[in-house]
């Protein structure tokens, strides 16, 4: 998918790929990585993923990379940040 197409998806609110819950496999398999609180997690094309909030709640530092300003603003707005 091109950068412009990704941005257009957000602009048109065509984000059916956005999940309303964290990925259910995270709590099941993440511990197998043996990371510790304070480690950094990179989330590319993060959108407004709830997974990032889960990582933060688990004590990780999170770096989210996103192309769409709409997605970035939505992430922070939905969390009153």
N, C-alpha and C. Protein backbone atom coordinates (compact mmCIF):
# COMPACT_ATOMS: atom_id res chain seq x y z
N UNK A 1 0.85 -1.16 0.00
CA UNK A 1 0.00 0.00 0.00
C UNK A 1 0.91 1.23 0.00
N UNK A 2 0.59 2.18 -0.83
CA UNK A 2 1.39 3.40 -0.92
C UNK A 2 1.11 4.30 0.29
N UNK A 3 2.05 5.20 0.55
CA UNK A 3 1.87 6.16 1.65
C UNK A 3 0.60 6.98 1.46
N UNK A 4 0.37 7.42 0.22
CA UNK A 4 -0.80 8.26 -0.05
C UNK A 4 -2.10 7.48 0.16
N UNK A 5 -2.10 6.22 -0.23
CA UNK A 5 -3.31 5.41 -0.05
C UNK A 5 -3.60 5.24 1.44
N UNK A 6 -2.55 5.02 2.22
CA UNK A 6 -2.72 4.88 3.67
C UNK A 6 -3.32 6.15 4.26
N UNK A 7 -2.76 7.28 3.88
CA UNK A 7 -3.28 8.57 4.37
C UNK A 7 -4.72 8.79 3.94
N UNK A 8 -5.05 8.40 2.71
CA UNK A 8 -6.43 8.55 2.22
C UNK A 8 -7.40 7.68 3.00
N UNK A 9 -6.97 6.49 3.39
CA UNK A 9 -7.83 5.62 4.20
C UNK A 9 -8.25 6.35 5.47
N UNK A 10 -7.31 6.99 6.13
CA UNK A 10 -7.61 7.73 7.34
C UNK A 10 -8.46 8.95 7.04
N UNK A 11 -8.15 9.65 5.98
CA UNK A 11 -8.89 10.86 5.61
C UNK A 11 -10.36 10.53 5.34
N UNK A 12 -10.61 9.37 4.72
CA UNK A 12 -11.97 8.94 4.37
C UNK A 12 -12.61 8.12 5.49
N UNK A 13 -11.91 7.97 6.61
CA UNK A 13 -12.39 7.16 7.73
C UNK A 13 -12.69 5.72 7.29
N UNK A 14 -11.87 5.23 6.38
CA UNK A 14 -11.99 3.86 5.88
C UNK A 14 -10.99 3.00 6.64
N UNK A 15 -11.25 2.84 7.94
CA UNK A 15 -10.29 2.17 8.82
C UNK A 15 -10.88 0.89 9.42
N UNK A 16 -11.47 0.09 8.57
CA UNK A 16 -12.04 -1.18 9.01
C UNK A 16 -11.00 -2.10 9.61
N UNK A 17 -9.74 -1.83 9.35
CA UNK A 17 -8.64 -2.62 9.89
C UNK A 17 -8.39 -2.30 11.37
N UNK A 18 -8.91 -1.15 11.84
CA UNK A 18 -8.69 -0.75 13.23
C UNK A 18 -9.50 -1.68 14.14
N UNK A 19 -8.83 -2.21 15.14
CA UNK A 19 -9.46 -3.13 16.08
C UNK A 19 -10.00 -2.38 17.30
N UNK A 20 -11.11 -2.82 17.83
CA UNK A 20 -11.72 -2.20 18.99
C UNK A 20 -11.14 -2.70 20.31
N UNK A 21 -10.30 -3.72 20.23
CA UNK A 21 -9.68 -4.31 21.41
C UNK A 21 -8.21 -4.57 21.08
N UNK A 22 -7.41 -4.81 22.12
CA UNK A 22 -6.02 -5.17 21.84
C UNK A 22 -5.99 -6.51 21.11
N UNK A 23 -4.90 -6.75 20.44
CA UNK A 23 -4.71 -8.03 19.78
C UNK A 23 -4.74 -9.11 20.86
N UNK A 24 -5.67 -10.07 20.78
CA UNK A 24 -5.79 -11.07 21.86
C UNK A 24 -4.57 -11.96 21.99
N UNK A 25 -3.72 -11.97 21.00
CA UNK A 25 -2.51 -12.80 21.08
C UNK A 25 -1.40 -12.12 21.90
N UNK A 26 -1.51 -10.81 22.11
CA UNK A 26 -0.48 -10.12 22.88
C UNK A 26 -0.31 -10.70 24.28
N UNK A 27 -1.35 -10.73 25.10
CA UNK A 27 -1.16 -11.27 26.46
C UNK A 27 -0.73 -12.74 26.46
N UNK A 28 -1.13 -13.45 25.43
CA UNK A 28 -0.81 -14.89 25.37
C UNK A 28 0.65 -15.14 25.01
N UNK A 29 1.17 -14.40 24.02
CA UNK A 29 2.51 -14.71 23.51
C UNK A 29 3.59 -13.70 23.87
N UNK A 30 3.22 -12.47 24.22
CA UNK A 30 4.23 -11.44 24.52
C UNK A 30 5.20 -11.86 25.62
N UNK A 31 4.73 -12.50 26.69
CA UNK A 31 5.67 -12.90 27.75
C UNK A 31 6.78 -13.82 27.27
N UNK A 32 6.56 -14.54 26.18
CA UNK A 32 7.59 -15.44 25.66
C UNK A 32 8.83 -14.70 25.17
N UNK A 33 8.71 -13.38 24.96
CA UNK A 33 9.85 -12.59 24.49
C UNK A 33 10.80 -12.25 25.63
N UNK A 34 10.36 -12.48 26.87
CA UNK A 34 11.19 -12.24 28.05
C UNK A 34 11.73 -10.82 28.12
N UNK A 35 10.91 -9.84 27.73
CA UNK A 35 11.29 -8.45 27.87
C UNK A 35 10.93 -7.99 29.27
N UNK A 36 11.50 -6.89 29.68
CA UNK A 36 11.21 -6.39 31.02
C UNK A 36 10.62 -4.99 30.93
N UNK A 37 9.91 -4.60 31.97
CA UNK A 37 9.34 -3.26 32.02
C UNK A 37 10.47 -2.26 31.81
N UNK A 38 10.17 -1.24 31.03
CA UNK A 38 11.19 -0.25 30.69
C UNK A 38 11.80 -0.46 29.32
N UNK A 39 11.68 -1.69 28.79
CA UNK A 39 12.16 -1.94 27.43
C UNK A 39 11.31 -1.14 26.44
N UNK A 40 11.85 -0.90 25.27
CA UNK A 40 11.16 -0.10 24.26
C UNK A 40 10.56 -0.99 23.19
N UNK A 41 9.32 -0.67 22.82
CA UNK A 41 8.59 -1.40 21.78
C UNK A 41 8.33 -0.44 20.63
N UNK A 42 8.66 -0.86 19.42
CA UNK A 42 8.40 -0.08 18.21
C UNK A 42 7.14 -0.60 17.56
N UNK A 43 6.19 0.31 17.26
CA UNK A 43 4.94 -0.07 16.61
C UNK A 43 4.84 0.73 15.30
N UNK A 44 5.26 0.12 14.19
CA UNK A 44 5.19 0.83 12.90
C UNK A 44 3.76 0.88 12.37
N UNK A 45 3.45 1.96 11.66
CA UNK A 45 2.09 2.19 11.14
C UNK A 45 1.06 1.88 12.22
N UNK A 46 1.25 2.52 13.36
CA UNK A 46 0.47 2.21 14.56
C UNK A 46 -0.97 2.68 14.50
N UNK A 47 -1.27 3.65 13.64
CA UNK A 47 -2.63 4.17 13.63
C UNK A 47 -2.99 4.68 15.00
N UNK A 48 -4.12 4.25 15.51
CA UNK A 48 -4.52 4.58 16.88
C UNK A 48 -4.71 3.29 17.69
N UNK A 49 -3.81 2.36 17.42
CA UNK A 49 -3.88 1.02 17.99
C UNK A 49 -3.96 1.01 19.51
N UNK A 50 -4.88 0.25 20.02
CA UNK A 50 -5.02 0.05 21.46
C UNK A 50 -3.86 -0.77 22.01
N UNK A 51 -3.17 -1.47 21.14
CA UNK A 51 -2.01 -2.26 21.58
C UNK A 51 -0.99 -1.36 22.25
N UNK A 52 -0.86 -0.12 21.77
CA UNK A 52 0.13 0.79 22.37
C UNK A 52 -0.22 1.10 23.82
N UNK A 53 -1.49 1.26 24.11
CA UNK A 53 -1.91 1.50 25.50
C UNK A 53 -1.64 0.27 26.36
N UNK A 54 -1.81 -0.90 25.79
CA UNK A 54 -1.53 -2.13 26.52
C UNK A 54 -0.04 -2.21 26.86
N UNK A 55 0.81 -1.91 25.87
CA UNK A 55 2.26 -1.91 26.12
C UNK A 55 2.61 -0.93 27.25
N UNK A 56 2.02 0.28 27.20
CA UNK A 56 2.30 1.27 28.24
C UNK A 56 1.85 0.78 29.61
N UNK A 57 0.67 0.17 29.66
CA UNK A 57 0.16 -0.35 30.93
C UNK A 57 1.04 -1.47 31.49
N UNK A 58 1.72 -2.17 30.59
CA UNK A 58 2.62 -3.26 31.00
C UNK A 58 4.00 -2.73 31.39
N UNK A 59 4.19 -1.41 31.25
CA UNK A 59 5.44 -0.81 31.69
C UNK A 59 6.50 -0.60 30.62
N UNK A 60 6.13 -0.80 29.36
CA UNK A 60 7.09 -0.61 28.28
C UNK A 60 7.08 0.83 27.78
N UNK A 61 8.18 1.26 27.23
CA UNK A 61 8.24 2.52 26.50
C UNK A 61 7.77 2.20 25.09
N UNK A 62 6.99 3.09 24.49
CA UNK A 62 6.41 2.82 23.18
C UNK A 62 6.81 3.91 22.20
N UNK A 63 7.28 3.48 21.04
CA UNK A 63 7.52 4.40 19.93
C UNK A 63 6.56 3.98 18.83
N UNK A 64 5.61 4.86 18.55
CA UNK A 64 4.66 4.60 17.47
C UNK A 64 5.06 5.42 16.25
N UNK A 65 5.11 4.79 15.10
CA UNK A 65 5.43 5.46 13.85
C UNK A 65 4.15 5.46 13.00
N UNK A 66 3.74 6.64 12.57
CA UNK A 66 2.51 6.76 11.79
C UNK A 66 2.65 7.84 10.73
N UNK A 67 2.08 7.58 9.55
CA UNK A 67 2.08 8.53 8.44
C UNK A 67 0.94 9.52 8.49
N UNK A 68 -0.17 9.11 9.05
CA UNK A 68 -1.38 9.93 9.03
C UNK A 68 -1.51 10.80 10.28
N UNK A 69 -1.54 12.11 10.06
CA UNK A 69 -1.76 13.02 11.18
C UNK A 69 -3.13 12.80 11.80
N UNK A 70 -4.09 12.38 11.01
CA UNK A 70 -5.44 12.10 11.52
C UNK A 70 -5.38 10.98 12.56
N UNK A 71 -4.64 9.93 12.25
CA UNK A 71 -4.51 8.80 13.18
C UNK A 71 -3.81 9.23 14.46
N UNK A 72 -2.75 10.03 14.32
CA UNK A 72 -2.00 10.49 15.48
C UNK A 72 -2.90 11.33 16.39
N UNK A 73 -3.60 12.28 15.80
CA UNK A 73 -4.48 13.14 16.59
C UNK A 73 -5.59 12.33 17.26
N UNK A 74 -6.13 11.35 16.55
CA UNK A 74 -7.20 10.52 17.11
C UNK A 74 -6.69 9.71 18.30
N UNK A 75 -5.49 9.18 18.19
CA UNK A 75 -4.91 8.40 19.28
C UNK A 75 -4.87 9.23 20.56
N UNK A 76 -4.32 10.43 20.46
CA UNK A 76 -4.18 11.28 21.64
C UNK A 76 -5.52 11.82 22.12
N UNK A 77 -6.39 12.18 21.20
CA UNK A 77 -7.71 12.72 21.56
C UNK A 77 -8.54 11.68 22.32
N UNK A 78 -8.50 10.43 21.86
CA UNK A 78 -9.28 9.38 22.50
C UNK A 78 -8.78 9.06 23.91
N UNK A 79 -7.57 9.47 24.22
CA UNK A 79 -6.99 9.24 25.55
C UNK A 79 -6.88 10.53 26.36
N UNK A 80 -7.49 11.61 25.83
CA UNK A 80 -7.43 12.91 26.50
C UNK A 80 -6.01 13.33 26.85
N UNK A 81 -5.13 13.10 25.91
CA UNK A 81 -3.72 13.48 26.08
C UNK A 81 -3.45 14.70 25.22
